[in-house]
C-alpha atoms as a PDB file:
ATOM      1  CA  MET A   1      56.877 105.111  83.191  1.00  0.00           C
ATOM      2  CA  ASN A   2      59.137 102.076  83.517  1.00  0.00           C
ATOM      3  CA  MET A   3      62.544 103.246  84.726  1.00  0.00           C
ATOM      4  CA  ARG A   4      64.320  99.901  84.481  1.00  0.00           C
ATOM      5  CA  LEU A   5      65.627 100.581  80.982  1.00  0.00           C
ATOM      6  CA  LEU A   6      66.038 104.326  81.407  1.00  0.00           C
ATOM      7  CA  SER A   7      69.760 104.443  81.999  1.00  0.00           C
ATOM      8  CA  LYS A   8      70.440 102.114  79.079  1.00  0.00           C
ATOM      9  CA  SER A   9      68.163 103.822  76.580  1.00  0.00           C
ATOM     10  CA  LEU A  10      69.252 107.377  77.488  1.00  0.00           C
ATOM     11  CA  GLY A  11      72.543 108.967  78.379  1.00  0.00           C
ATOM     12  CA  ALA A  12      73.348 109.486  82.044  1.00  0.00           C
ATOM     13  CA  THR A  13      72.606 113.213  81.923  1.00  0.00           C
ATOM     14  CA  ALA A  14      69.286 112.735  80.124  1.00  0.00           C
ATOM     15  CA  ALA A  15      68.350 109.936  82.510  1.00  0.00           C
ATOM     16  CA  ALA A  16      69.063 112.185  85.465  1.00  0.00           C
ATOM     17  CA  MET A  17      66.828 114.911  83.996  1.00  0.00           C
ATOM     18  CA  VAL A  18      63.946 112.487  83.482  1.00  0.00           C
ATOM     19  CA  LEU A  19      64.372 111.092  86.997  1.00  0.00           C
ATOM     20  CA  ALA A  20      64.221 114.625  88.361  1.00  0.00           C
ATOM     21  CA  LEU A  21      60.984 115.306  86.467  1.00  0.00           C
ATOM     22  CA  ALA A  22      59.435 111.991  87.527  1.00  0.00           C
ATOM     23  CA  GLY A  23      60.101 112.718  91.207  1.00  0.00           C
ATOM     24  CA  ALA A  24      58.335 116.051  91.238  1.00  0.00           C
ATOM     25  CA  VAL A  25      58.047 116.218  95.021  1.00  0.00           C
ATOM     26  CA  GLN A  26      61.830 116.263  95.410  1.00  0.00           C
ATOM     27  CA  ALA A  27      61.813 120.031  94.899  1.00  0.00           C
ATOM     28  CA  GLU A  28      60.310 120.407  98.356  1.00  0.00           C
ATOM     29  CA  ASP A  29      63.729 119.825  99.881  1.00  0.00           C
ATOM     30  CA  LEU A  30      62.509 117.027 102.115  1.00  0.00           C
ATOM     31  CA  PRO A  31      64.727 116.067 105.051  1.00  0.00           C
ATOM     32  CA  ILE A  32      66.173 112.570 105.093  1.00  0.00           C
ATOM     33  CA  ILE A  33      64.839 111.001 108.292  1.00  0.00           C
ATOM     34  CA  GLY A  34      64.732 107.220 107.943  1.00  0.00           C
ATOM     35  CA  GLN A  35      68.201 106.192 106.845  1.00  0.00           C
ATOM     36  CA  PRO A  36      70.754 103.688 108.158  1.00  0.00           C
ATOM     37  CA  LEU A  37      73.847 105.383 109.549  1.00  0.00           C
ATOM     38  CA  ASP A  38      77.418 104.179 109.476  1.00  0.00           C
ATOM     39  CA  LYS A  39      78.335 102.559 112.809  1.00  0.00           C
ATOM     40  CA  GLY A  40      74.817 103.190 114.077  1.00  0.00           C
ATOM     41  CA  ILE A  41      73.528 100.840 116.770  1.00  0.00           C
ATOM     42  CA  GLY A  42      70.114 102.328 117.541  1.00  0.00           C
ATOM     43  CA  PHE A  43      66.786 102.451 115.779  1.00  0.00           C
ATOM     44  CA  GLN A  44      65.919 104.941 113.084  1.00  0.00           C
ATOM     45  CA  PRO A  45      63.665 107.795 114.285  1.00  0.00           C
ATOM     46  CA  ALA A  46      60.142 106.502 114.893  1.00  0.00           C
ATOM     47  CA  SER A  47      57.856 108.285 112.446  1.00  0.00           C
ATOM     48  CA  THR A  48      54.607 106.369 112.986  1.00  0.00           C
ATOM     49  CA  ILE A  49      52.583 105.385 116.034  1.00  0.00           C
ATOM     50  CA  VAL A  50      53.334 101.720 115.313  1.00  0.00           C
ATOM     51  CA  ALA A  51      57.077 102.383 115.332  1.00  0.00           C
ATOM     52  CA  GLU A  52      56.828 104.418 118.547  1.00  0.00           C
ATOM     53  CA  HIS A  53      55.005 101.625 120.379  1.00  0.00           C
ATOM     54  CA  THR A  54      57.265  98.896 118.971  1.00  0.00           C
ATOM     55  CA  PHE A  55      60.470 100.723 119.887  1.00  0.00           C
ATOM     56  CA  ALA A  56      59.153 101.538 123.369  1.00  0.00           C
ATOM     57  CA  LEU A  57      58.307  97.865 123.904  1.00  0.00           C
ATOM     58  CA  GLU A  58      61.819  96.859 122.821  1.00  0.00           C
ATOM     59  CA  HIS A  59      63.385  99.351 125.238  1.00  0.00           C
ATOM     60  CA  MET A  60      61.253  98.055 128.113  1.00  0.00           C
ATOM     61  CA  ILE A  61      62.113  94.417 127.356  1.00  0.00           C
ATOM     62  CA  LEU A  62      65.798  95.320 127.010  1.00  0.00           C
ATOM     63  CA  ILE A  63      65.755  96.791 130.528  1.00  0.00           C
ATOM     64  CA  ILE A  64      64.020  93.706 131.925  1.00  0.00           C
ATOM     65  CA  ILE A  65      66.386  91.198 130.330  1.00  0.00           C
ATOM     66  CA  SER A  66      69.415  93.316 131.289  1.00  0.00           C
ATOM     67  CA  VAL A  67      68.346  93.252 134.939  1.00  0.00           C
ATOM     68  CA  ILE A  68      67.821  89.475 134.708  1.00  0.00           C
ATOM     69  CA  VAL A  69      71.249  88.932 133.122  1.00  0.00           C
ATOM     70  CA  VAL A  70      72.970  91.058 135.767  1.00  0.00           C
ATOM     71  CA  PHE A  71      71.095  89.286 138.582  1.00  0.00           C
ATOM     72  CA  VAL A  72      71.803  85.761 137.293  1.00  0.00           C
ATOM     73  CA  THR A  73      75.441  86.580 136.564  1.00  0.00           C
ATOM     74  CA  GLY A  74      75.875  88.039 140.052  1.00  0.00           C
ATOM     75  CA  LEU A  75      74.175  85.010 141.580  1.00  0.00           C
ATOM     76  CA  LEU A  76      76.503  82.655 139.698  1.00  0.00           C
ATOM     77  CA  ILE A  77      79.571  84.594 140.825  1.00  0.00           C
ATOM     78  CA  TRP A  78      78.345  84.599 144.435  1.00  0.00           C
ATOM     79  CA  VAL A  79      77.731  80.811 144.361  1.00  0.00           C
ATOM     80  CA  ILE A  80      81.163  80.186 142.820  1.00  0.00           C
ATOM     81  CA  VAL A  81      82.913  82.285 145.455  1.00  0.00           C
ATOM     82  CA  ARG A  82      80.817  81.318 148.471  1.00  0.00           C
ATOM     83  CA  TYR A  83      80.323  77.609 147.823  1.00  0.00           C
ATOM     84  CA  ASN A  84      83.497  76.419 146.177  1.00  0.00           C
ATOM     85  CA  GLN A  85      85.339  73.510 147.787  1.00  0.00           C
ATOM     86  CA  ARG A  86      87.924  75.706 149.477  1.00  0.00           C
ATOM     87  CA  ALA A  87      85.390  78.075 151.089  1.00  0.00           C
ATOM     88  CA  ASN A  88      82.849  75.367 151.841  1.00  0.00           C
ATOM     89  CA  PRO A  89      84.613  72.023 152.329  1.00  0.00           C
ATOM     90  CA  LYS A  90      81.488  70.378 153.782  1.00  0.00           C
ATOM     91  CA  PRO A  91      78.607  70.646 151.301  1.00  0.00           C
ATOM     92  CA  ALA A  92      74.991  70.870 152.416  1.00  0.00           C
ATOM     93  CA  SER A  93      72.998  67.654 152.414  1.00  0.00           C
ATOM     94  CA  PHE A  94      69.467  68.995 151.688  1.00  0.00           C
ATOM     95  CA  THR A  95      67.881  68.371 148.247  1.00  0.00           C
ATOM     96  CA  HIS A  96      64.795  70.616 148.238  1.00  0.00           C
ATOM     97  CA  ASN A  97      63.796  74.131 149.198  1.00  0.00           C
ATOM     98  CA  SER A  98      60.088  74.572 148.547  1.00  0.00           C
ATOM     99  CA  PRO A  99      59.856  78.384 149.053  1.00  0.00           C
ATOM    100  CA  LEU A 100      62.796  78.914 146.692  1.00  0.00           C
ATOM    101  CA  GLU A 101      61.374  76.566 144.067  1.00  0.00           C
ATOM    102  CA  ILE A 102      57.993  78.313 144.225  1.00  0.00           C
ATOM    103  CA  ALA A 103      59.714  81.691 143.889  1.00  0.00           C
ATOM    104  CA  TRP A 104      61.785  80.800 140.834  1.00  0.00           C
ATOM    105  CA  THR A 105      58.644  79.402 139.192  1.00  0.00           C
ATOM    106  CA  LEU A 106      56.284  82.272 139.966  1.00  0.00           C
ATOM    107  CA  VAL A 107      58.661  85.176 139.336  1.00  0.00           C
ATOM    108  CA  PRO A 108      59.378  84.229 135.680  1.00  0.00           C
ATOM    109  CA  ILE A 109      55.643  83.686 135.132  1.00  0.00           C
ATOM    110  CA  LEU A 110      54.863  87.149 136.487  1.00  0.00           C
ATOM    111  CA  ILE A 111      57.585  88.685 134.322  1.00  0.00           C
ATOM    112  CA  LEU A 112      56.205  86.986 131.215  1.00  0.00           C
ATOM    113  CA  VAL A 113      52.642  88.063 132.054  1.00  0.00           C
ATOM    114  CA  PHE A 114      53.871  91.639 132.501  1.00  0.00           C
ATOM    115  CA  ILE A 115      55.670  91.573 129.145  1.00  0.00           C
ATOM    116  CA  GLY A 116      52.655  89.983 127.447  1.00  0.00           C
ATOM    117  CA  ALA A 117      50.318  92.641 128.828  1.00  0.00           C
ATOM    118  CA  TYR A 118      52.348  95.287 126.975  1.00  0.00           C
ATOM    119  CA  SER A 119      53.215  93.169 123.922  1.00  0.00           C
ATOM    120  CA  LEU A 120      49.691  92.182 122.854  1.00  0.00           C
ATOM    121  CA  PRO A 121      48.363  95.742 122.410  1.00  0.00           C
ATOM    122  CA  VAL A 122      51.413  96.568 120.278  1.00  0.00           C
ATOM    123  CA  LEU A 123      50.851  93.418 118.211  1.00  0.00           C
ATOM    124  CA  PHE A 124      47.172  94.275 117.741  1.00  0.00           C
ATOM    125  CA  LYS A 125      48.165  97.804 116.683  1.00  0.00           C
ATOM    126  CA  GLN A 126      50.359  96.294 113.964  1.00  0.00           C
ATOM    127  CA  GLU A 127      48.032  93.561 112.769  1.00  0.00           C
ATOM    128  CA  GLU A 128      44.606  95.203 112.949  1.00  0.00           C
ATOM    129  CA  ILE A 129      44.508  96.986 109.596  1.00  0.00           C
ATOM    130  CA  PRO A 130      42.441 100.203 109.732  1.00  0.00           C
ATOM    131  CA  VAL A 131      40.343 101.561 106.876  1.00  0.00           C
ATOM    132  CA  ALA A 132      42.679 102.973 104.222  1.00  0.00           C
ATOM    133  CA  GLU A 133      42.752 106.603 103.212  1.00  0.00           C
ATOM    134  CA  VAL A 134      45.473 105.791 100.672  1.00  0.00           C
ATOM    135  CA  SER A 135      45.802 102.278  99.223  1.00  0.00           C
ATOM    136  CA  ILE A 136      48.996 100.989  97.614  1.00  0.00           C
ATOM    137  CA  LYS A 137      49.809  97.587  96.197  1.00  0.00           C
ATOM    138  CA  ALA A 138      53.485  96.605  96.361  1.00  0.00           C
ATOM    139  CA  THR A 139      54.653  93.642  94.283  1.00  0.00           C
ATOM    140  CA  GLY A 140      58.123  92.231  94.830  1.00  0.00           C
ATOM    141  CA  ASN A 141      60.091  91.191  91.750  1.00  0.00           C
ATOM    142  CA  GLN A 142      63.645  90.022  91.259  1.00  0.00           C
ATOM    143  CA  TRP A 143      64.965  92.612  92.065  1.00  0.00           C
ATOM    144  CA  TYR A 144      62.744  95.671  92.161  1.00  0.00           C
ATOM    145  CA  TRP A 145      59.331  96.716  93.423  1.00  0.00           C
ATOM    146  CA  SER A 146      56.223  97.449  91.390  1.00  0.00           C
ATOM    147  CA  TYR A 147      53.641  99.825  92.865  1.00  0.00           C
ATOM    148  CA  GLU A 148      50.006 100.510  92.094  1.00  0.00           C
ATOM    149  CA  TYR A 149      47.748 103.246  93.437  1.00  0.00           C
ATOM    150  CA  PRO A 150      44.331 101.846  92.429  1.00  0.00           C
ATOM    151  CA  LYS A 151      42.240 104.867  93.467  1.00  0.00           C
ATOM    152  CA  GLU A 152      44.582 107.308  91.750  1.00  0.00           C
ATOM    153  CA  GLY A 153      45.106 105.146  88.665  1.00  0.00           C
ATOM    154  CA  LEU A 154      48.910 105.121  88.985  1.00  0.00           C
ATOM    155  CA  SER A 155      51.444 102.342  88.559  1.00  0.00           C
ATOM    156  CA  PHE A 156      55.221 102.307  88.241  1.00  0.00           C
ATOM    157  CA  ASP A 157      58.337 100.263  88.949  1.00  0.00           C
ATOM    158  CA  ALA A 158      60.999 101.326  91.444  1.00  0.00           C
ATOM    159  CA  MET A 159      64.555 100.256  90.686  1.00  0.00           C
ATOM    160  CA  MET A 160      67.648 101.076  92.679  1.00  0.00           C
ATOM    161  CA  VAL A 161      69.504 104.024  91.194  1.00  0.00           C
ATOM    162  CA  GLY A 162      72.542 102.426  89.573  1.00  0.00           C
ATOM    163  CA  ALA A 163      70.921  99.007  89.262  1.00  0.00           C
ATOM    164  CA  GLY A 164      72.799  96.741  86.900  1.00  0.00           C
ATOM    165  CA  GLU A 165      76.286  97.991  87.685  1.00  0.00           C
ATOM    166  CA  ASN A 166      75.592  98.058  91.448  1.00  0.00           C
ATOM    167  CA  ARG A 167      78.501 100.398  92.053  1.00  0.00           C
ATOM    168  CA  LEU A 168      78.844 104.114  92.600  1.00  0.00           C
ATOM    169  CA  THR A 169      80.017 105.611  89.306  1.00  0.00           C
ATOM    170  CA  PRO A 170      80.150 109.303  88.325  1.00  0.00           C
ATOM    171  CA  GLU A 171      77.020 108.744  86.238  1.00  0.00           C
ATOM    172  CA  VAL A 172      75.142 107.247  89.185  1.00  0.00           C
ATOM    173  CA  GLU A 173      76.315 110.075  91.443  1.00  0.00           C
ATOM    174  CA  GLU A 174      74.985 112.550  88.869  1.00  0.00           C
ATOM    175  CA  GLN A 175      71.597 110.823  88.878  1.00  0.00           C
ATOM    176  CA  LEU A 176      71.484 110.965  92.677  1.00  0.00           C
ATOM    177  CA  LYS A 177      72.395 114.655  92.594  1.00  0.00           C
ATOM    178  CA  ALA A 178      69.600 115.356  90.093  1.00  0.00           C
ATOM    179  CA  MET A 179      67.183 113.794  92.592  1.00  0.00           C
ATOM    180  CA  GLY A 180      68.433 116.022  95.407  1.00  0.00           C
ATOM    181  CA  LEU A 181      70.373 113.173  97.029  1.00  0.00           C
ATOM    182  CA  GLY A 182      74.042 112.459  97.649  1.00  0.00           C
ATOM    183  CA  LYS A 183      76.359 109.499  97.353  1.00  0.00           C
ATOM    184  CA  GLU A 184      75.435 108.551 100.925  1.00  0.00           C
ATOM    185  CA  GLN A 185      72.069 107.461  99.547  1.00  0.00           C
ATOM    186  CA  PHE A 186      73.592 105.067  97.016  1.00  0.00           C
ATOM    187  CA  LEU A 187      72.129 101.573  97.507  1.00  0.00           C
ATOM    188  CA  LEU A 188      69.154 103.243  99.218  1.00  0.00           C
ATOM    189  CA  ALA A 189      67.578 105.464  96.551  1.00  0.00           C
ATOM    190  CA  THR A 190      65.201 104.292  93.846  1.00  0.00           C
ATOM    191  CA  ASP A 191      64.414 105.959  90.536  1.00  0.00           C
ATOM    192  CA  ASN A 192      60.732 106.217  91.527  1.00  0.00           C
ATOM    193  CA  ALA A 193      59.737 106.819  95.129  1.00  0.00           C
ATOM    194  CA  VAL A 194      56.595 105.749  96.910  1.00  0.00           C
ATOM    195  CA  VAL A 195      54.880 109.052  97.739  1.00  0.00           C
ATOM    196  CA  VAL A 196      52.422 109.241 100.628  1.00  0.00           C
ATOM    197  CA  PRO A 197      50.660 112.107 102.429  1.00  0.00           C
ATOM    198  CA  VAL A 198      51.454 112.737 106.080  1.00  0.00           C
ATOM    199  CA  GLY A 199      48.626 112.303 108.546  1.00  0.00           C
ATOM    200  CA  LYS A 200      46.784 109.808 106.332  1.00  0.00           C
ATOM    201  CA  ILE A 201      46.313 106.076 106.913  1.00  0.00           C
ATOM    202  CA  VAL A 202      48.241 104.236 104.207  1.00  0.00           C
ATOM    203  CA  VAL A 203      47.480 100.545 103.719  1.00  0.00           C
ATOM    204  CA  VAL A 204      50.008  98.597 101.645  1.00  0.00           C
ATOM    205  CA  THR A 205      48.891  95.313 100.104  1.00  0.00           C
ATOM    206  CA  VAL A 206      51.993  93.200  99.538  1.00  0.00           C
ATOM    207  CA  THR A 207      52.581  90.223  97.270  1.00  0.00           C
ATOM    208  CA  GLY A 208      55.388  88.619  95.281  1.00  0.00           C
ATOM    209  CA  ALA A 209      55.641  87.939  91.562  1.00  0.00           C
ATOM    210  CA  ASP A 210      58.339  85.261  91.625  1.00  0.00           C
ATOM    211  CA  VAL A 211      59.912  84.381  94.986  1.00  0.00           C
ATOM    212  CA  ILE A 212      59.366  85.559  98.575  1.00  0.00           C
ATOM    213  CA  HIS A 213      60.358  89.172  99.206  1.00  0.00           C
ATOM    214  CA  SER A 214      59.676  91.415 102.194  1.00  0.00           C
ATOM    215  CA  TRP A 215      58.581  95.068 102.278  1.00  0.00           C
ATOM    216  CA  LYS A 216      60.285  96.735 105.219  1.00  0.00           C
ATOM    217  CA  VAL A 217      60.665 100.382 106.267  1.00  0.00           C
ATOM    218  CA  PRO A 218      62.313 100.528 109.721  1.00  0.00           C
ATOM    219  CA  ALA A 219      61.282 104.097 110.597  1.00  0.00           C
ATOM    220  CA  PHE A 220      57.644 103.100 110.078  1.00  0.00           C
ATOM    221  CA  GLY A 221      57.950  99.929 112.153  1.00  0.00           C
ATOM    222  CA  VAL A 222      56.553  97.845 109.288  1.00  0.00           C
ATOM    223  CA  MET A 223      57.757  94.631 107.683  1.00  0.00           C
ATOM    224  CA  GLN A 224      55.539  92.368 105.616  1.00  0.00           C
ATOM    225  CA  ASP A 225      56.581  89.308 103.600  1.00  0.00           C
ATOM    226  CA  ALA A 226      55.588  89.321  99.926  1.00  0.00           C
ATOM    227  CA  VAL A 227      54.607  85.754  99.081  1.00  0.00           C
ATOM    228  CA  PRO A 228      53.738  84.769  95.489  1.00  0.00           C
ATOM    229  CA  GLY A 229      50.066  83.890  95.131  1.00  0.00           C
ATOM    230  CA  ARG A 230      49.087  85.482  98.434  1.00  0.00           C
ATOM    231  CA  LEU A 231      48.075  88.945  99.581  1.00  0.00           C
ATOM    232  CA  ALA A 232      49.071  90.431 102.906  1.00  0.00           C
ATOM    233  CA  GLN A 233      48.694  93.892 104.344  1.00  0.00           C
ATOM    234  CA  THR A 234      50.572  96.338 106.507  1.00  0.00           C
ATOM    235  CA  TRP A 235      49.779  99.933 107.387  1.00  0.00           C
ATOM    236  CA  PHE A 236      51.274 103.166 108.625  1.00  0.00           C
ATOM    237  CA  LYS A 237      50.453 106.832 109.156  1.00  0.00           C
ATOM    238  CA  VAL A 238      53.530 109.023 108.831  1.00  0.00           C
ATOM    239  CA  ASP A 239      53.627 112.046 111.112  1.00  0.00           C
ATOM    240  CA  LYS A 240      56.737 113.754 109.702  1.00  0.00           C
ATOM    241  CA  GLU A 241      57.446 114.966 106.197  1.00  0.00           C
ATOM    242  CA  GLY A 242      60.679 113.531 104.870  1.00  0.00           C
ATOM    243  CA  ILE A 243      62.426 110.787 102.948  1.00  0.00           C
ATOM    244  CA  TYR A 244      62.533 107.270 104.368  1.00  0.00           C
ATOM    245  CA  PHE A 245      64.449 104.254 103.158  1.00  0.00           C
ATOM    246  CA  GLY A 246      63.757 100.561 103.496  1.00  0.00           C
ATOM    247  CA  GLN A 247      64.923  97.297 102.003  1.00  0.00           C
ATOM    248  CA  CYS A 248      63.710  93.904 100.898  1.00  0.00           C
ATOM    249  CA  SER A 249      64.325  91.842 104.023  1.00  0.00           C
ATOM    250  CA  GLU A 250      63.815  88.306 102.733  1.00  0.00           C
ATOM    251  CA  LEU A 251      66.680  86.622 100.896  1.00  0.00           C
ATOM    252  CA  CYS A 252      65.415  86.569  97.300  1.00  0.00           C
ATOM    253  CA  GLY A 253      68.372  85.867  95.021  1.00  0.00           C
ATOM    254  CA  LYS A 254      71.705  87.207  93.865  1.00  0.00           C
ATOM    255  CA  ASP A 255      70.674  90.893  93.789  1.00  0.00           C
ATOM    256  CA  HIS A 256      68.743  90.829  97.053  1.00  0.00           C
ATOM    257  CA  ALA A 257      71.084  93.491  98.454  1.00  0.00           C
ATOM    258  CA  TYR A 258      70.135  95.851  95.622  1.00  0.00           C
ATOM    259  CA  MET A 259      66.374  96.009  96.171  1.00  0.00           C
ATOM    260  CA  PRO A 260      65.771  99.136  98.256  1.00  0.00           C
ATOM    261  CA  ILE A 261      62.564 100.952  99.130  1.00  0.00           C
ATOM    262  CA  MET A 262      62.270 104.730  99.071  1.00  0.00           C
ATOM    263  CA  VAL A 263      59.278 106.562 100.530  1.00  0.00           C
ATOM    264  CA  LYS A 264      58.628 110.292 100.383  1.00  0.00           C
ATOM    265  CA  ALA A 265      56.140 111.594 102.941  1.00  0.00           C
ATOM    266  CA  VAL A 266      54.775 114.950 101.858  1.00  0.00           C
ATOM    267  CA  SER A 267      51.918 117.288 102.693  1.00  0.00           C
ATOM    268  CA  PRO A 268      48.462 116.312 101.380  1.00  0.00           C
ATOM    269  CA  GLU A 269      48.624 119.248  98.959  1.00  0.00           C
ATOM    270  CA  ALA A 270      51.991 118.145  97.599  1.00  0.00           C
ATOM    271  CA  TYR A 271      50.679 114.590  97.333  1.00  0.00           C
ATOM    272  CA  ASP A 272      47.724 115.719  95.215  1.00  0.00           C
ATOM    273  CA  GLN A 273      50.103 117.724  93.026  1.00  0.00           C
ATOM    274  CA  TRP A 274      52.330 114.666  92.567  1.00  0.00           C
ATOM    275  CA  VAL A 275      49.362 112.499  91.598  1.00  0.00           C
ATOM    276  CA  THR A 276      48.288 115.070  89.012  1.00  0.00           C
ATOM    277  CA  GLU A 277      51.802 115.449  87.576  1.00  0.00           C
ATOM    278  CA  MET A 278      52.144 111.673  87.320  1.00  0.00           C
ATOM    279  CA  GLY A 279      48.953 111.543  85.258  1.00  0.00           C
ATOM    280  CA  GLY A 280      46.724 110.127  87.968  1.00  0.00           C
ATOM    281  CA  THR A 281      43.403 111.218  89.384  1.00  0.00           C
ATOM    282  CA  VAL A 282      43.197 112.940  92.743  1.00  0.00           C
ATOM    283  CA  ALA A 283      40.788 111.053  94.966  1.00  0.00           C
ATOM    284  CA  ASP A 284      37.673 112.898  96.100  1.00  0.00           C
ATOM    285  CA  ALA A 285      38.324 114.242  99.597  1.00  0.00           C
ATOM    286  CA  GLY A 286      34.726 113.523 100.528  1.00  0.00           C
ATOM    287  CA  ALA A 287      34.726 109.948  99.294  1.00  0.00           C
ATOM    288  CA  ALA A 288      34.609 107.109 101.776  1.00  0.00           C
ATOM    289  CA  PRO A 289      37.985 105.486 102.522  1.00  0.00           C
ATOM    290  CA  SER A 290      38.646 102.388 100.473  1.00  0.00           C
ATOM    291  CA  THR A 291      39.005  98.844 101.667  1.00  0.00           C
ATOM    292  CA  VAL A 292      40.865  95.982 100.063  1.00  0.00           C
ATOM    293  CA  GLN A 293      39.725  92.379 100.330  1.00  0.00           C
ATOM    294  CA  VAL A 294      42.605  90.117 101.289  1.00  0.00           C
ATOM    295  CA  ALA A 295      42.596  86.367 100.884  1.00  0.00           C
ATOM    296  CA  SER A 296      42.329  84.559 104.194  1.00  0.00           C
ATOM    297  CA  ASN A 297      44.878  81.994 105.296  1.00  0.00           C
END
């Protein structure tokens, strides 16, 4: 079902009813976990192993650079106070200090090696794509996402709720309410959500249909550019049922700000029910996980 023309072809109330039927898993009263918060300065809750490792790495590096900034700032203040012209009218005449020069060369190298030792495993965790249990293809368009579930035989577009007007009207608020959401989710919610089962490896193959887009869900720790004519992959395994929001994160035109991503992570049983209600085919639980061939660089 293509939802792009839904609001125009139906009245607001009828559109809201159809949206509610299309998002069958909304009845599970899923908690909203991955959402930007007003005046928030921290990360969204990490809901995948990739996000946990990435956020932990950021925290460690933040501590290291904070200590370096404090040390260098203190050293500058000490030099200014101790060696200004008034406190030290006769300057030193030496030009070299070999132990000090060796120290300020080796210490940064050791710090970088330490950071690299923790960074590379996190990078490999992100970039080494495991065998998919659920495969999804996400295609970026100006300005919405198209999704395909090849194994399940599903495909749909996902437009921002209220796309076109791009403002919160009573009709848009009614559509959000019919989906079990509130006005706080305006600019975040889409008429069709990407539905995935928790505890399963989901591999998303990303591409663009017109210009460069980027598929990003912060709570999953994933961001992958969607380049026309090329295929790229990212992956995640959600460990918490809930609703997560993302956004196109590559400037892609005038409505770039109105190109959100909405993911619903549900139980495997609810996922199978959703596939059936959407007219797809539930994959055989005993079948081997699928792989997708991606063009090399």
